[in-house]
Amino acid sequence: MATKVVELVNNGVLSVEKKYGMSYEEFAKDHLFGDYPVVIGDACKEWTAKEKFTPEFFKSEYGNRKVEVQGQEYNLKDFIEIMEESTMDNPAPYPCKLQIDRDYPELIPDISPRFMYAKPDWCHNPMVEPLLGNADTYEIFLGSPGGQFPYVHYDYLGLHAFITQLYGVKEFTVIPPDQTPYVYPKENNSWVSEVPDIKNVDLEKYPLCANITPITFTVGPGETLFIPNGWWHTAKSLTVTISVALDSLNTSNWERFKMEVTTKVDNKTNAAVAKMVGAYLSVAGGVLRRTKNKVRQA
């Protein structure tokens, strides 16, 4: 089937497209190795979660589970009810995150199979997993109208992100990696911006932000946003929303991952240890690239 393309936004400089029926080869060429975001309209077409994951489902099945949001503990049912009563001007705290692999493994069949665009993935390979630290690579996000991610960031350790919207509509803003100097990365957390609100910037405090060309667009139910490693992004719920986010690591972002890990180790220990970790990752990368699940570069 030929790819169907729907243009989402064009700010005069950059645009993001929505695509249906895209082949893996096209995805690899234009987005994975092309380092460019895309909204995939039919990636999760086989997931039962498309119909199953609703606020009522989580209230009835997991209502007594404890969740911590912005430092406060709630029963999940109570928090969802707060979400449902929230408004754009008075949103619930955000984000409420559920870690799937650790706490809700029984839901994995509902978000399976892993769609082809997110394959292969080395995050859970035993050669890599110990180096991920506290990175959660498979999460459910719940949000209320007006709920906004608290900072602009790119995904930890240079991983790719796939964000699938299952319920409600979310607004995303993305910023290209070559504009990194303009978003004021934090000195000790270089993957997080100092700027608290990228859409309402204090240009006297952050004058370089005047050079940013952000792209803002919406993602609705059944659509998956691919955000390549290094792309800055943030999100805001326009309605009650439920999303699934998964990270991905393979040939296309391995060098970025290697750099991020060794830099992190160097900052925490010393250059000699970082050099050893870098050498280990060079060997591990060679082994992983020779596996039968090798990514297909178009």
Protein backbone atom coordinates (compact mmCIF):
# COMPACT_ATOMS: atom_id res chain seq x y z
CA MET A 1 0.00 0.00 0.00
CA ALA A 2 1.31 3.44 -0.89
CA THR A 3 1.99 5.82 1.95
CA LYS A 4 -0.80 8.27 2.62
CA VAL A 5 0.55 11.59 3.88
CA VAL A 6 -1.36 14.29 5.73
CA GLU A 7 0.56 17.48 6.52
CA LEU A 8 0.13 18.42 10.17
CA VAL A 9 1.84 21.78 10.46
CA ASN A 10 4.22 24.08 8.65
CA ASN A 11 5.66 27.00 10.54
CA GLY A 12 7.33 28.42 7.46
CA VAL A 13 10.59 26.60 8.14
CA LEU A 14 9.83 23.06 9.33
CA SER A 15 6.90 20.66 9.23
CA VAL A 16 5.84 17.33 10.69
CA GLU A 17 3.76 14.86 8.68
CA LYS A 18 1.20 12.22 9.54
CA LYS A 19 1.70 9.03 7.52
CA TYR A 20 -0.40 5.89 6.98
CA GLY A 21 0.80 2.68 5.34
CA MET A 22 4.46 3.62 5.61
CA SER A 23 6.97 0.86 4.87
CA TYR A 24 9.82 0.18 7.26
CA GLU A 25 12.27 1.15 4.53
CA GLU A 26 10.65 4.57 4.13
CA PHE A 27 10.57 5.06 7.90
CA ALA A 28 14.25 4.11 8.22
CA LYS A 29 15.36 6.40 5.40
CA ASP A 30 13.29 9.49 6.17
CA HIS A 31 12.95 9.34 9.95
CA LEU A 32 15.04 6.76 11.83
CA PHE A 33 18.30 7.49 10.01
CA GLY A 34 16.96 10.75 8.61
CA ASP A 35 16.64 11.99 12.21
CA TYR A 36 13.24 13.56 11.69
CA PRO A 37 9.93 13.22 13.60
CA VAL A 38 6.78 11.76 12.11
CA VAL A 39 3.27 10.90 13.30
CA ILE A 40 2.44 7.33 12.28
CA GLY A 41 -1.30 6.97 11.90
CA ASP A 42 -1.59 3.19 12.05
CA ALA A 43 1.39 1.80 14.01
CA CYS A 44 -0.73 0.45 16.88
CA LYS A 45 -3.52 -0.98 14.73
CA GLU A 46 -3.16 -4.45 16.33
CA TRP A 47 -3.23 -3.25 19.96
CA THR A 48 -6.28 -4.15 22.03
CA ALA A 49 -5.35 -1.18 24.25
CA LYS A 50 -6.90 1.13 21.63
CA GLU A 51 -10.36 0.26 22.93
CA LYS A 52 -9.46 -1.03 26.39
CA PHE A 53 -7.36 1.76 27.93
CA THR A 54 -9.94 4.26 29.19
CA PRO A 55 -10.25 6.17 32.48
CA GLU A 56 -13.04 3.78 33.54
CA PHE A 57 -10.83 0.75 32.91
CA PHE A 58 -8.01 2.06 35.09
CA LYS A 59 -10.42 3.16 37.84
CA SER A 60 -12.17 -0.22 37.95
CA GLU A 61 -9.09 -2.45 37.59
CA TYR A 62 -6.42 -0.44 39.41
CA GLY A 63 -8.34 2.13 41.43
CA ASN A 64 -6.67 1.25 44.73
CA ARG A 65 -3.13 1.32 43.35
CA LYS A 66 -0.95 4.07 44.79
CA VAL A 67 0.57 6.61 42.41
CA GLU A 68 2.87 9.52 43.15
CA VAL A 69 2.40 12.68 41.09
CA GLN A 70 4.48 15.80 41.67
CA GLY A 71 5.52 14.53 45.10
CA GLN A 72 2.00 13.72 46.33
CA GLU A 73 0.50 10.25 46.76
CA TYR A 74 -2.98 9.33 45.48
CA ASN A 75 -5.14 6.28 44.91
CA LEU A 76 -5.27 5.96 41.13
CA LYS A 77 -9.09 6.13 41.12
CA ASP A 78 -9.05 9.37 43.10
CA PHE A 79 -6.42 10.90 40.83
CA ILE A 80 -8.34 10.00 37.66
CA GLU A 81 -11.46 11.62 39.13
CA ILE A 82 -9.42 14.78 39.76
CA MET A 83 -8.26 14.61 36.13
CA GLU A 84 -11.83 14.29 34.89
CA GLU A 85 -12.93 17.33 36.88
CA SER A 86 -9.98 19.47 35.77
CA THR A 87 -10.04 22.29 33.23
CA MET A 88 -7.46 23.90 30.97
CA ASP A 89 -7.16 26.74 33.48
CA ASN A 90 -7.04 24.45 36.51
CA PRO A 91 -5.32 21.22 35.46
CA ALA A 92 -4.49 18.21 37.61
CA PRO A 93 -0.80 17.68 38.45
CA TYR A 94 1.14 16.15 35.55
CA PRO A 95 2.54 13.72 34.65
CA CYS A 96 0.99 10.65 36.27
CA LYS A 97 3.20 7.78 35.08
CA LEU A 98 2.65 4.02 35.36
CA GLN A 99 5.75 1.92 34.75
CA ILE A 100 4.53 -1.04 32.70
CA ASP A 101 7.37 -3.57 32.90
CA ARG A 102 7.76 -3.26 36.66
CA ASP A 103 4.25 -2.61 37.98
CA TYR A 104 1.69 -3.53 35.29
CA PRO A 105 3.26 -6.42 33.30
CA GLU A 106 -0.16 -8.01 32.73
CA LEU A 107 -0.97 -5.09 30.37
CA ILE A 108 1.88 -5.89 27.99
CA PRO A 109 -0.32 -8.13 25.78
CA ASP A 110 -2.65 -5.14 25.24
CA ILE A 111 0.21 -3.08 23.79
CA SER A 112 1.62 -5.92 21.71
CA PRO A 113 2.99 -6.70 19.27
CA ARG A 114 5.74 -4.11 19.36
CA PHE A 115 5.19 -2.32 16.06
CA MET A 116 7.79 -2.77 13.35
CA TYR A 117 8.99 0.85 13.43
CA ALA A 118 10.27 0.33 17.01
CA LYS A 119 12.32 -2.74 16.08
CA PRO A 120 14.95 -3.83 16.74
CA ASP A 121 15.34 -2.55 20.29
CA TRP A 122 18.42 -3.15 22.41
CA CYS A 123 17.21 -1.44 25.62
CA HIS A 124 16.48 -4.74 27.33
CA ASN A 125 19.47 -6.63 25.99
CA PRO A 126 21.56 -7.86 28.98
CA MET A 127 24.61 -6.11 27.51
CA VAL A 128 22.81 -2.77 27.69
CA GLU A 129 20.16 -2.86 30.40
CA PRO A 130 22.50 -2.31 33.38
CA LEU A 131 23.66 0.95 31.80
CA LEU A 132 20.17 2.42 31.56
CA GLY A 133 20.13 3.28 35.25
CA ASN A 134 16.75 4.71 36.26
CA ALA A 135 15.49 5.16 32.71
CA ASP A 136 11.93 3.82 32.34
CA THR A 137 11.54 2.57 28.78
CA TYR A 138 7.87 1.50 28.78
CA GLU A 139 5.33 3.79 30.48
CA ILE A 140 1.68 4.84 30.55
CA PHE A 141 1.02 8.58 30.92
CA LEU A 142 -2.29 9.92 32.23
CA GLY A 143 -3.15 13.61 31.97
CA SER A 144 -5.95 16.13 32.38
CA PRO A 145 -6.95 19.09 30.21
CA GLY A 146 -4.16 21.65 30.58
CA GLY A 147 -1.74 19.14 32.07
CA GLN A 148 1.68 20.12 30.76
CA PHE A 149 4.99 18.27 30.99
CA PRO A 150 7.05 20.28 33.49
CA TYR A 151 10.07 20.87 31.26
CA VAL A 152 11.43 20.74 27.71
CA HIS A 153 13.79 17.80 27.25
CA TYR A 154 15.14 15.17 24.92
CA ASP A 155 14.87 11.52 25.94
CA TYR A 156 17.39 10.38 28.52
CA LEU A 157 20.63 8.83 27.20
CA GLY A 158 19.77 9.76 23.62
CA LEU A 159 17.07 7.12 23.19
CA HIS A 160 14.38 7.40 20.51
CA ALA A 161 10.82 7.90 21.78
CA PHE A 162 7.57 6.48 20.40
CA ILE A 163 4.50 8.04 22.04
CA THR A 164 1.19 6.39 21.19
CA GLN A 165 -1.97 8.30 22.00
CA LEU A 166 -4.75 5.90 23.05
CA TYR A 167 -7.32 8.21 24.64
CA GLY A 168 -7.88 11.94 24.13
CA VAL A 169 -5.79 14.54 22.32
CA LYS A 170 -2.36 15.86 23.22
CA GLU A 171 -0.43 18.84 21.86
CA PHE A 172 3.30 18.36 21.24
CA THR A 173 6.05 20.87 20.61
CA VAL A 174 9.35 19.67 19.13
CA ILE A 175 12.62 21.52 18.54
CA PRO A 176 15.47 20.25 16.31
CA PRO A 177 18.79 19.13 17.87
CA ASP A 178 20.77 21.82 16.04
CA GLN A 179 18.91 24.41 18.12
CA THR A 180 20.22 22.96 21.38
CA PRO A 181 22.25 26.08 22.29
CA TYR A 182 19.06 28.15 22.20
CA VAL A 183 17.11 26.07 24.76
CA TYR A 184 19.61 26.55 27.60
CA PRO A 185 20.44 22.95 28.62
CA LYS A 186 21.04 22.55 32.34
CA GLU A 187 24.68 22.24 33.29
CA ASN A 188 24.28 19.03 35.28
CA ASN A 189 21.34 17.58 33.31
CA SER A 190 22.12 18.49 29.72
CA TRP A 191 19.01 16.66 28.43
CA VAL A 192 16.72 19.12 30.31
CA SER A 193 16.14 22.79 29.40
CA GLU A 194 16.30 25.58 31.98
CA VAL A 195 13.41 27.34 30.22
CA PRO A 196 10.20 26.65 32.19
CA ASP A 197 7.70 27.36 29.40
CA ILE A 198 8.97 27.24 25.84
CA LYS A 199 5.77 28.82 24.47
CA ASN A 200 5.89 31.81 26.82
CA VAL A 201 9.58 32.65 27.08
CA ASP A 202 11.04 35.51 29.08
CA LEU A 203 13.37 36.76 26.35
CA GLU A 204 15.15 39.11 28.71
CA LYS A 205 16.23 36.11 30.77
CA TYR A 206 16.61 33.69 27.84
CA PRO A 207 17.42 35.86 24.78
CA LEU A 208 18.75 32.95 22.67
CA CYS A 209 15.26 31.45 22.65
CA ALA A 210 14.40 34.03 19.98
CA ASN A 211 16.28 31.76 17.54
CA ILE A 212 14.11 28.69 18.19
CA THR A 213 11.74 27.45 15.46
CA PRO A 214 9.44 25.09 17.40
CA ILE A 215 6.86 22.91 15.67
CA THR A 216 3.55 22.46 17.52
CA PHE A 217 0.87 19.95 16.49
CA THR A 218 -1.71 17.58 17.96
CA VAL A 219 -1.73 13.78 18.20
CA GLY A 220 -5.03 11.93 18.60
CA PRO A 221 -6.24 8.43 19.46
CA GLY A 222 -4.50 5.63 17.56
CA GLU A 223 -1.62 7.86 16.40
CA THR A 224 2.04 7.38 17.30
CA LEU A 225 4.60 10.18 17.39
CA PHE A 226 8.20 9.19 16.68
CA ILE A 227 10.71 11.59 18.25
CA PRO A 228 14.31 10.85 17.20
CA ASN A 229 17.13 11.06 19.71
CA GLY A 230 18.25 14.58 20.51
CA TRP A 231 15.01 16.30 19.48
CA TRP A 232 13.77 18.55 22.28
CA HIS A 233 10.08 18.18 23.09
CA THR A 234 7.30 18.81 25.55
CA ALA A 235 3.58 18.02 25.64
CA LYS A 236 0.28 19.38 26.89
CA SER A 237 -3.00 17.48 27.22
CA LEU A 238 -5.99 19.18 25.58
CA THR A 239 -8.44 16.64 27.05
CA VAL A 240 -8.19 13.75 29.51
CA THR A 241 -5.44 11.67 27.91
CA ILE A 242 -3.89 8.21 28.13
CA SER A 243 -0.65 7.57 26.24
CA VAL A 244 1.92 4.80 26.02
CA ALA A 245 5.56 5.81 25.67
CA LEU A 246 8.33 3.43 24.75
CA ASP A 247 12.00 4.09 24.09
CA SER A 248 14.17 2.49 21.45
CA LEU A 249 17.88 1.88 20.95
CA ASN A 250 19.57 0.39 17.89
CA THR A 251 22.21 1.16 15.28
CA SER A 252 20.63 4.50 14.43
CA ASN A 253 21.22 6.07 17.86
CA TRP A 254 23.93 3.84 19.32
CA GLU A 255 26.72 6.42 19.00
CA ARG A 256 24.60 9.05 20.74
CA PHE A 257 23.78 6.55 23.50
CA LYS A 258 27.48 5.66 23.89
CA MET A 259 28.43 9.35 24.17
CA GLU A 260 25.65 10.08 26.71
CA VAL A 261 26.54 7.09 28.90
CA THR A 262 30.28 7.79 28.96
CA THR A 263 29.68 11.49 29.68
CA LYS A 264 27.35 10.58 32.54
CA VAL A 265 29.93 8.18 34.00
CA ASP A 266 32.70 10.76 33.60
CA ASN A 267 30.65 13.35 35.48
CA LYS A 268 29.94 10.94 38.35
CA THR A 269 33.31 9.18 38.66
CA ASN A 270 36.38 9.94 36.55
CA ALA A 271 37.76 9.92 33.03
CA ALA A 272 39.50 6.54 33.44
CA VAL A 273 36.25 4.76 34.32
CA ALA A 274 34.45 6.57 31.50
CA LYS A 275 37.14 5.37 29.07
CA MET A 276 36.61 1.78 30.21
CA VAL A 277 32.83 2.09 29.78
CA GLY A 278 33.36 3.58 26.32
CA ALA A 279 35.57 0.65 25.34
CA TYR A 280 32.97 -1.81 26.62
CA LEU A 281 30.23 -0.07 24.62
CA SER A 282 32.35 -0.17 21.46
CA VAL A 283 32.60 -3.96 21.79
CA ALA A 284 28.93 -4.32 22.75
CA GLY A 285 27.87 -2.21 19.79
CA GLY A 286 29.81 -4.45 17.42
CA VAL A 287 28.16 -7.56 18.85
CA LEU A 288 24.66 -6.08 18.72
CA ARG A 289 25.09 -4.91 15.13
CA ARG A 290 25.85 -8.48 14.10
CA THR A 291 22.66 -9.90 15.59
CA LYS A 292 19.97 -11.31 13.32
CA ASN A 293 17.66 -8.42 14.31
CA LYS A 294 19.99 -5.91 12.71
CA VAL A 295 18.20 -2.70 11.81
CA ARG A 296 17.64 -2.20 8.09
CA GLN A 297 19.22 1.05 6.96
CA ALA A 298 17.58 2.30 3.79
